[in-house]
N, C-alpha and C. Protein backbone atom coordinates (compact mmCIF):
# COMPACT_ATOMS: atom_id res chain seq x y z
N MET A 1 207.90 98.58 85.79
CA MET A 1 207.83 99.61 85.92
C MET A 1 206.52 99.93 86.46
N VAL A 2 206.51 100.83 87.59
CA VAL A 2 204.78 101.87 88.01
C VAL A 2 205.17 103.04 87.61
N ALA A 3 204.56 103.51 86.40
CA ALA A 3 204.22 105.15 86.22
C ALA A 3 202.99 105.38 86.65
N ASP A 4 202.82 106.20 87.61
CA ASP A 4 201.47 107.19 87.78
C ASP A 4 201.00 108.58 87.27
N GLU A 5 200.59 108.80 86.25
CA GLU A 5 200.66 110.35 86.09
C GLU A 5 202.06 110.35 85.98
N PRO A 6 202.19 109.69 84.69
CA PRO A 6 204.59 110.54 84.81
C PRO A 6 204.61 111.79 83.63
N VAL A 7 203.62 111.74 82.71
CA VAL A 7 203.41 112.73 82.33
C VAL A 7 202.06 113.88 82.29
N SER A 8 201.53 113.56 82.84
CA SER A 8 200.05 114.50 83.30
C SER A 8 200.54 116.19 83.49
N ALA A 9 201.26 116.79 83.88
CA ALA A 9 201.61 118.39 84.30
C ALA A 9 202.70 118.47 83.81
N LEU A 10 203.16 117.70 82.49
CA LEU A 10 204.13 118.39 81.49
C LEU A 10 203.15 119.04 79.80
N ASP A 11 203.48 119.95 79.40
CA ASP A 11 203.51 120.38 78.19
C ASP A 11 203.50 119.08 77.53
N VAL A 12 202.38 119.42 76.36
CA VAL A 12 202.29 118.56 75.39
C VAL A 12 203.97 118.34 74.57
N SER A 13 204.37 119.28 74.11
CA SER A 13 205.79 118.61 73.37
C SER A 13 206.26 117.85 74.50
N VAL A 14 207.17 117.95 75.28
CA VAL A 14 207.66 117.36 76.67
C VAL A 14 207.20 116.34 76.66
N GLN A 15 205.80 116.03 77.46
CA GLN A 15 204.60 114.73 77.08
C GLN A 15 205.31 113.91 75.96
N ALA A 16 205.49 114.25 74.45
CA ALA A 16 205.56 113.25 73.56
C ALA A 16 207.20 113.43 73.71
N GLN A 17 207.81 114.09 73.76
CA GLN A 17 209.28 113.18 74.00
C GLN A 17 209.38 112.49 75.15
N ILE A 18 209.22 112.48 76.56
CA ILE A 18 209.23 111.43 77.41
C ILE A 18 208.30 110.15 77.44
N LEU A 19 207.14 110.34 75.93
CA LEU A 19 206.76 109.00 75.80
C LEU A 19 207.41 107.75 74.72
N ASN A 20 207.80 109.07 74.11
CA ASN A 20 208.74 108.56 73.16
C ASN A 20 210.18 107.62 73.95
N LEU A 21 210.64 107.79 74.85
CA LEU A 21 211.57 107.96 75.06
C LEU A 21 211.01 106.39 76.16
N LEU A 22 209.65 106.65 76.64
CA LEU A 22 209.18 104.84 77.69
C LEU A 22 208.81 104.12 76.32
N ILE A 23 208.78 104.46 75.20
CA ILE A 23 208.84 103.73 74.53
C ILE A 23 209.75 102.83 74.00
N ASP A 24 210.97 103.63 73.43
CA ASP A 24 211.95 103.12 73.43
C ASP A 24 212.96 102.20 74.71
N LEU A 25 212.69 102.68 75.36
CA LEU A 25 213.47 102.12 76.46
C LEU A 25 212.56 100.41 76.51
N GLN A 26 211.22 100.83 76.57
CA GLN A 26 211.04 99.57 76.60
C GLN A 26 210.76 98.60 75.64
N ALA A 27 210.84 98.80 74.37
CA ALA A 27 211.97 97.90 73.24
C ALA A 27 213.07 97.53 73.47
N GLU A 28 213.72 98.29 73.75
CA GLU A 28 215.73 98.30 74.14
C GLU A 28 215.58 97.25 75.49
N PHE A 29 214.94 96.99 76.16
CA PHE A 29 215.41 96.79 77.70
C PHE A 29 214.24 95.37 78.56
N ARG A 30 212.76 95.26 77.44
CA ARG A 30 211.79 94.75 77.28
C ARG A 30 211.21 94.90 78.62
N LEU A 31 210.87 96.31 78.75
CA LEU A 31 210.39 96.47 80.22
C LEU A 31 208.78 96.54 79.72
N THR A 32 208.38 96.28 80.51
CA THR A 32 206.50 96.60 80.76
C THR A 32 206.02 97.37 82.22
N TYR A 33 205.34 98.00 81.69
CA TYR A 33 204.72 99.20 82.58
C TYR A 33 203.43 99.22 83.11
N LEU A 34 203.67 99.62 84.15
CA LEU A 34 201.96 99.77 84.92
C LEU A 34 201.76 100.80 84.53
N PHE A 35 200.76 101.67 83.22
CA PHE A 35 201.13 102.90 83.11
C PHE A 35 199.85 103.42 83.32
N VAL A 36 199.76 104.49 84.60
CA VAL A 36 198.07 104.84 85.39
C VAL A 36 198.13 106.75 84.74
N ALA A 37 196.95 106.24 83.73
CA ALA A 37 196.67 107.85 83.29
C ALA A 37 195.11 107.55 83.29
N HIS A 38 195.09 109.49 82.77
CA HIS A 38 193.81 110.04 82.51
C HIS A 38 193.09 110.79 81.35
N ASP A 39 194.37 110.87 80.86
CA ASP A 39 194.18 111.15 78.97
C ASP A 39 194.24 109.69 78.23
N LEU A 40 193.21 109.83 77.85
CA LEU A 40 193.38 108.29 76.91
C LEU A 40 193.98 108.40 75.50
N SER A 41 194.01 109.87 75.06
CA SER A 41 195.15 110.01 74.19
C SER A 41 196.37 109.57 74.41
N VAL A 42 197.35 109.28 75.55
CA VAL A 42 198.48 109.32 76.19
C VAL A 42 198.46 107.49 76.16
N VAL A 43 197.60 107.27 76.89
CA VAL A 43 197.02 106.11 77.46
C VAL A 43 197.36 104.71 75.98
N ARG A 44 196.35 105.35 74.53
CA ARG A 44 196.35 105.19 73.80
C ARG A 44 197.49 104.78 72.92
N HIS A 45 198.48 105.82 73.13
CA HIS A 45 199.15 106.10 72.17
C HIS A 45 200.63 105.01 72.83
N ILE A 46 200.82 104.41 74.29
CA ILE A 46 201.97 104.12 75.26
C ILE A 46 201.60 102.24 75.36
N SER A 47 199.80 102.02 75.26
CA SER A 47 199.65 100.93 75.81
C SER A 47 199.67 99.22 74.64
N ASN A 48 199.42 98.35 75.67
CA ASN A 48 199.15 97.40 74.26
C ASN A 48 197.83 97.10 75.01
N ARG A 49 197.95 96.82 76.00
CA ARG A 49 196.68 96.36 76.45
C ARG A 49 195.90 97.54 77.74
N VAL A 50 194.84 97.73 78.05
CA VAL A 50 194.01 98.44 78.74
C VAL A 50 192.87 98.14 79.95
N ALA A 51 193.56 98.73 81.09
CA ALA A 51 192.47 98.60 81.99
C ALA A 51 191.72 99.87 82.19
N VAL A 52 190.05 99.75 82.53
CA VAL A 52 189.59 100.87 82.84
C VAL A 52 189.17 100.47 84.20
N MET A 53 188.77 101.19 84.69
CA MET A 53 189.06 101.21 86.17
C MET A 53 187.18 102.35 86.50
N TYR A 54 186.66 101.62 87.30
CA TYR A 54 185.08 102.26 88.19
C TYR A 54 184.86 102.20 89.51
N VAL A 55 185.77 102.99 90.52
CA VAL A 55 185.12 102.95 91.67
C VAL A 55 186.19 101.89 92.35
N GLY A 56 187.27 101.95 91.57
CA GLY A 56 188.31 101.28 92.09
C GLY A 56 188.40 99.64 91.93
N ARG A 57 187.36 99.16 90.99
CA ARG A 57 187.51 98.20 90.42
C ARG A 57 187.57 98.56 88.60
N ILE A 58 188.37 97.37 88.63
CA ILE A 58 188.19 96.62 87.00
C ILE A 58 187.34 96.39 86.29
N VAL A 59 186.23 97.59 85.47
CA VAL A 59 184.94 97.23 84.54
C VAL A 59 184.99 96.18 82.86
N GLU A 60 186.47 96.77 82.54
CA GLU A 60 186.94 96.72 81.43
C GLU A 60 188.35 96.36 80.55
N LEU A 61 189.09 95.11 79.83
CA LEU A 61 189.94 94.96 79.64
C LEU A 61 190.52 94.35 78.42
N ALA A 62 191.66 95.41 77.77
CA ALA A 62 190.86 94.62 76.21
C ALA A 62 192.58 95.01 75.67
N PRO A 63 192.78 94.36 74.44
CA PRO A 63 193.85 95.12 73.40
C PRO A 63 193.18 96.43 73.38
N THR A 64 194.34 97.44 72.91
CA THR A 64 193.38 99.18 72.84
C THR A 64 193.54 99.00 71.98
N PRO A 65 194.09 98.77 70.18
CA PRO A 65 192.95 99.09 69.56
C PRO A 65 191.05 98.57 69.59
N ASN A 66 191.24 97.22 70.25
CA ASN A 66 190.02 96.74 71.08
C ASN A 66 188.95 97.85 71.63
N LEU A 67 189.77 97.91 72.57
CA LEU A 67 189.02 98.70 73.43
C LEU A 67 188.42 100.11 72.67
N PHE A 68 189.44 100.44 72.14
CA PHE A 68 189.44 101.78 71.73
C PHE A 68 187.94 102.11 70.81
N ALA A 69 188.09 100.60 69.41
CA ALA A 69 186.98 100.77 68.35
C ALA A 69 185.74 100.30 69.11
N THR A 70 185.92 99.21 70.27
CA THR A 70 184.72 98.35 70.58
C THR A 70 184.61 98.17 71.69
N PRO A 71 184.62 99.49 72.33
CA PRO A 71 184.35 99.71 74.11
C PRO A 71 182.69 98.07 74.28
N ARG A 72 182.61 97.42 75.17
CA ARG A 72 181.73 96.91 75.55
C ARG A 72 180.93 97.06 77.21
N HIS A 73 181.93 98.35 77.88
CA HIS A 73 181.35 98.79 78.91
C HIS A 73 181.05 100.44 79.25
N PRO A 74 179.43 100.79 79.43
CA PRO A 74 178.81 101.61 79.13
C PRO A 74 179.78 102.85 79.64
N TYR A 75 180.58 102.28 80.81
CA TYR A 75 181.57 103.31 81.10
C TYR A 75 182.70 103.73 80.86
N THR A 76 183.57 102.17 79.89
CA THR A 76 184.44 103.00 78.20
C THR A 76 184.18 103.76 77.99
N ALA A 77 182.61 103.37 77.07
CA ALA A 77 182.12 104.02 76.17
C ALA A 77 182.15 106.11 76.78
N ALA A 78 181.35 106.32 77.73
CA ALA A 78 181.60 107.02 78.00
C ALA A 78 182.69 108.50 78.15
N LEU A 79 183.91 107.58 78.41
CA LEU A 79 184.95 107.71 78.82
C LEU A 79 185.46 108.50 77.27
N LEU A 80 185.40 107.39 76.58
CA LEU A 80 185.96 107.79 75.08
C LEU A 80 185.14 108.74 74.30
N SER A 81 183.53 108.78 74.58
CA SER A 81 183.40 110.17 73.98
C SER A 81 183.70 111.19 74.55
N ALA A 82 184.57 111.47 76.01
CA ALA A 82 185.10 112.74 75.86
C ALA A 82 186.26 112.95 75.51
N VAL A 83 187.42 112.59 74.59
CA VAL A 83 188.38 112.09 74.49
C VAL A 83 188.11 113.11 72.73
N PRO A 84 188.89 114.41 73.15
CA PRO A 84 188.67 115.46 72.31
C PRO A 84 189.20 114.71 71.00
N GLU A 85 188.03 115.41 69.83
CA GLU A 85 188.59 114.89 67.82
C GLU A 85 189.26 116.39 67.30
N PRO A 86 190.41 116.24 67.13
CA PRO A 86 191.39 117.21 66.44
C PRO A 86 190.33 117.67 65.16
N ASP A 87 189.76 116.66 64.41
CA ASP A 87 189.06 116.96 63.13
C ASP A 87 187.52 117.38 63.45
N PRO A 88 187.28 118.52 62.64
CA PRO A 88 185.71 119.42 63.16
C PRO A 88 184.51 118.55 62.20
N ARG A 89 185.35 117.64 61.19
CA ARG A 89 184.15 116.88 59.91
C ARG A 89 183.87 115.92 60.88
N VAL A 90 184.85 115.13 61.76
CA VAL A 90 184.56 114.45 62.95
C VAL A 90 183.36 114.19 63.88
N ARG A 91 182.01 114.26 63.79
CA ARG A 91 181.04 113.92 64.48
C ARG A 91 181.05 112.77 65.72
N VAL A 92 181.46 113.45 66.98
CA VAL A 92 181.76 112.47 68.10
C VAL A 92 180.48 112.11 68.80
N GLN A 93 179.83 110.80 69.49
CA GLN A 93 178.23 111.34 69.99
C GLN A 93 178.96 111.45 71.36
N ASP A 94 178.67 112.09 72.77
CA ASP A 94 178.77 112.33 73.78
C ASP A 94 178.01 111.79 75.05
N VAL A 95 178.49 110.87 75.58
CA VAL A 95 177.48 110.10 76.30
C VAL A 95 178.20 111.20 77.48
N ALA A 96 176.97 111.96 78.18
CA ALA A 96 176.80 112.67 79.14
C ALA A 96 176.31 111.68 80.54
N LEU A 97 176.83 111.59 81.64
CA LEU A 97 176.70 111.11 82.40
C LEU A 97 175.95 112.03 83.50
N GLU A 98 174.84 111.16 84.47
CA GLU A 98 174.34 111.44 85.15
C GLU A 98 174.76 111.16 86.54
N GLY A 99 174.59 112.03 87.56
CA GLY A 99 174.43 111.54 88.82
C GLY A 99 176.05 111.87 89.24
N GLU A 100 176.33 110.93 90.52
CA GLU A 100 177.59 111.73 91.27
C GLU A 100 178.02 110.08 91.14
N VAL A 101 179.55 110.71 91.15
CA VAL A 101 180.68 108.40 91.01
C VAL A 101 180.34 108.12 92.53
N ALA A 102 180.06 106.65 92.84
CA ALA A 102 179.55 106.38 93.86
C ALA A 102 181.08 106.05 94.57
N ASN A 103 180.31 106.42 95.82
CA ASN A 103 181.40 106.14 97.43
C ASN A 103 181.95 104.91 97.38
N PRO A 104 182.70 104.56 97.18
CA PRO A 104 183.60 103.72 97.27
C PRO A 104 183.48 103.10 98.67
N ALA A 105 183.59 103.98 99.69
CA ALA A 105 183.79 103.15 101.37
C ALA A 105 181.96 102.49 100.93
N ASN A 106 181.19 102.98 100.06
CA ASN A 106 180.07 102.98 100.34
C ASN A 106 179.42 102.57 99.09
N PRO A 107 179.94 101.89 98.29
CA PRO A 107 179.43 101.94 96.94
C PRO A 107 177.92 100.92 96.98
N PRO A 108 176.87 101.71 95.49
CA PRO A 108 175.59 100.90 95.65
C PRO A 108 175.84 99.43 95.38
N ARG A 109 174.69 98.82 95.99
CA ARG A 109 174.07 97.19 95.75
C ARG A 109 174.63 97.00 94.08
N GLY A 110 175.04 95.79 94.01
CA GLY A 110 174.80 95.73 92.29
C GLY A 110 176.00 96.11 91.56
N CYS A 111 175.88 96.66 90.49
CA CYS A 111 176.64 96.73 89.64
C CYS A 111 177.09 98.29 90.11
N TYR A 112 178.55 98.69 90.27
CA TYR A 112 178.92 99.65 91.38
C TYR A 112 178.39 101.53 90.26
N PHE A 113 178.31 101.06 88.74
CA PHE A 113 178.31 101.68 87.73
C PHE A 113 176.10 101.75 87.73
N HIS A 114 175.61 101.03 88.18
CA HIS A 114 174.50 101.83 87.92
C HIS A 114 173.35 103.22 87.77
N PRO A 115 174.19 103.57 88.83
CA PRO A 115 173.15 104.33 89.16
C PRO A 115 173.60 105.80 88.09
N ARG A 116 174.32 105.84 87.46
CA ARG A 116 175.25 106.60 86.07
C ARG A 116 174.79 106.14 84.89
N CYS A 117 174.18 104.52 84.80
CA CYS A 117 174.67 104.33 82.84
C CYS A 117 173.12 104.03 82.22
N PRO A 118 173.46 104.95 81.65
CA PRO A 118 172.13 105.23 80.23
C PRO A 118 171.35 103.30 80.31
N HIS A 119 172.21 102.26 80.57
CA HIS A 119 171.75 100.74 80.02
C HIS A 119 171.46 99.93 81.32
N ALA A 120 171.07 100.63 82.24
CA ALA A 120 170.72 100.02 83.90
C ALA A 120 170.06 99.32 83.80
N ALA A 121 169.74 97.88 83.70
CA ALA A 121 168.17 96.83 84.04
C ALA A 121 168.30 96.63 85.03
N GLU A 122 167.26 96.03 85.73
CA GLU A 122 167.57 95.49 87.31
C GLU A 122 167.97 95.24 87.69
N VAL A 123 168.37 94.07 86.99
CA VAL A 123 169.74 93.10 87.39
C VAL A 123 171.18 93.64 87.96
N CYS A 124 171.06 94.87 86.92
CA CYS A 124 172.40 95.76 87.23
C CYS A 124 172.13 96.69 88.64
N ARG A 125 170.58 96.90 89.22
CA ARG A 125 170.97 96.68 90.81
C ARG A 125 170.76 96.00 91.47
N THR A 126 171.10 95.08 91.18
CA THR A 126 171.03 93.80 92.56
C THR A 126 171.85 92.98 92.39
N GLU A 127 172.37 92.31 91.40
CA GLU A 127 173.71 91.44 91.33
C GLU A 127 174.83 92.08 90.79
N ALA A 128 176.01 91.80 91.82
CA ALA A 128 176.97 92.41 90.94
C ALA A 128 177.26 91.62 89.65
N PRO A 129 178.20 92.42 88.13
CA PRO A 129 177.93 91.76 87.27
C PRO A 129 179.59 90.86 86.83
N THR A 130 179.76 89.51 87.06
CA THR A 130 180.64 88.71 87.14
C THR A 130 181.67 88.41 85.62
N TRP A 131 182.95 89.23 85.82
CA TRP A 131 183.87 89.43 84.92
C TRP A 131 183.96 88.01 83.69
N ARG A 132 184.04 88.96 82.99
CA ARG A 132 184.35 87.24 82.08
C ARG A 132 184.70 87.94 80.41
N GLU A 133 185.16 87.23 79.72
CA GLU A 133 185.94 87.35 78.56
C GLU A 133 184.85 87.11 77.62
N ILE A 134 184.47 88.25 76.82
CA ILE A 134 183.86 88.43 75.93
C ILE A 134 183.94 88.19 74.60
N ALA A 135 185.15 88.27 74.14
CA ALA A 135 186.19 88.10 72.99
C ALA A 135 187.56 87.88 73.27
N PRO A 136 188.07 87.52 72.80
CA PRO A 136 189.45 87.53 72.62
C PRO A 136 190.20 87.94 73.13
N ALA A 137 190.22 88.00 74.32
CA ALA A 137 191.53 88.89 75.40
C ALA A 137 190.75 90.59 75.65
N HIS A 138 189.52 90.00 75.68
CA HIS A 138 188.65 91.38 75.52
C HIS A 138 187.80 90.85 77.03
N PHE A 139 187.74 91.30 77.88
CA PHE A 139 187.23 90.81 79.04
C PHE A 139 186.16 91.81 79.76
N VAL A 140 184.71 91.95 80.55
CA VAL A 140 184.54 93.20 81.27
C VAL A 140 183.71 92.31 81.99
N ALA A 141 183.11 93.29 82.56
CA ALA A 141 182.74 93.14 83.71
C ALA A 141 180.90 93.90 83.49
N CYS A 142 179.73 93.68 83.04
CA CYS A 142 179.02 93.89 82.98
C CYS A 142 177.65 93.25 82.26
N HIS A 143 176.67 92.72 83.13
CA HIS A 143 175.61 92.51 82.70
C HIS A 143 175.30 91.97 81.53
N ARG A 144 174.90 93.73 80.35
CA ARG A 144 174.64 93.35 79.16
C ARG A 144 175.39 94.04 78.27
N ALA A 145 176.94 93.44 78.25
CA ALA A 145 177.60 93.96 77.42
C ALA A 145 177.35 92.98 76.01
N ASP A 146 176.51 91.66 75.94
CA ASP A 146 176.74 90.88 75.06
C ASP A 146 175.69 91.60 74.22
N GLU A 147 174.77 92.24 74.72
CA GLU A 147 173.66 93.21 73.92
C GLU A 147 174.21 94.70 73.06
N LEU A 148 174.65 95.13 74.26
CA LEU A 148 174.79 96.32 73.51
C LEU A 148 176.20 96.54 72.87
N ARG A 149 175.62 97.98 71.80
CA ARG A 149 177.16 98.42 70.50
C ARG A 149 177.27 99.34 70.83
N LEU A 150 178.23 99.88 71.49
CA LEU A 150 178.53 101.04 72.02
C LEU A 150 179.52 101.81 71.39
N ALA A 151 179.29 103.14 71.28
CA ALA A 151 179.83 103.72 69.82
C ALA A 151 181.91 103.44 70.97
N GLY A 152 182.48 103.42 69.74
CA GLY A 152 184.32 103.49 70.08
C GLY A 152 184.52 104.73 69.61
N VAL A 153 185.84 105.00 69.25
CA VAL A 153 186.41 105.87 68.76
C VAL A 153 187.52 105.37 67.05
N ASP A 154 187.06 106.33 65.73
CA ASP A 154 187.74 106.10 64.96
C ASP A 154 188.59 105.88 64.79
N GLY A 155 189.12 105.04 64.01
CA GLY A 155 190.90 105.10 63.15
C GLY A 155 191.42 104.61 64.41
N ALA A 156 190.71 103.03 66.04
CA ALA A 156 191.37 102.68 66.28
C ALA A 156 192.36 101.97 65.93
């Protein structure tokens, strides 16, 4: 079943009811969802595996706990840093991205994310990164994924 932003316009309490219903239906009928959302707390709640896209390309794919705990693509880390943290004692490192999102009709050469990436190297500007498995069931398209240690979300 494809669900494109199925709870985005709903009140939080109604969102929870719908998400719980989807989870119950998934268990009862062995359903698989392609769940498209921008709210990462919703994604984290309902997903077993998460794919992160930037300008129409998947840049990272991993089991949900792995992706939230140890992101391997700088765009994923930036998205995770924007997730609100309800505990004021928890310090979250905000990753502010400079520049504009690439134009999908005229993307930059090399890695589409390189103009906004704080970790971009020369190779990022000239060569598109290959899709590779960096850890078991954890895939990424980033030249520097092996060397970067990006902040995830605690309690993942």
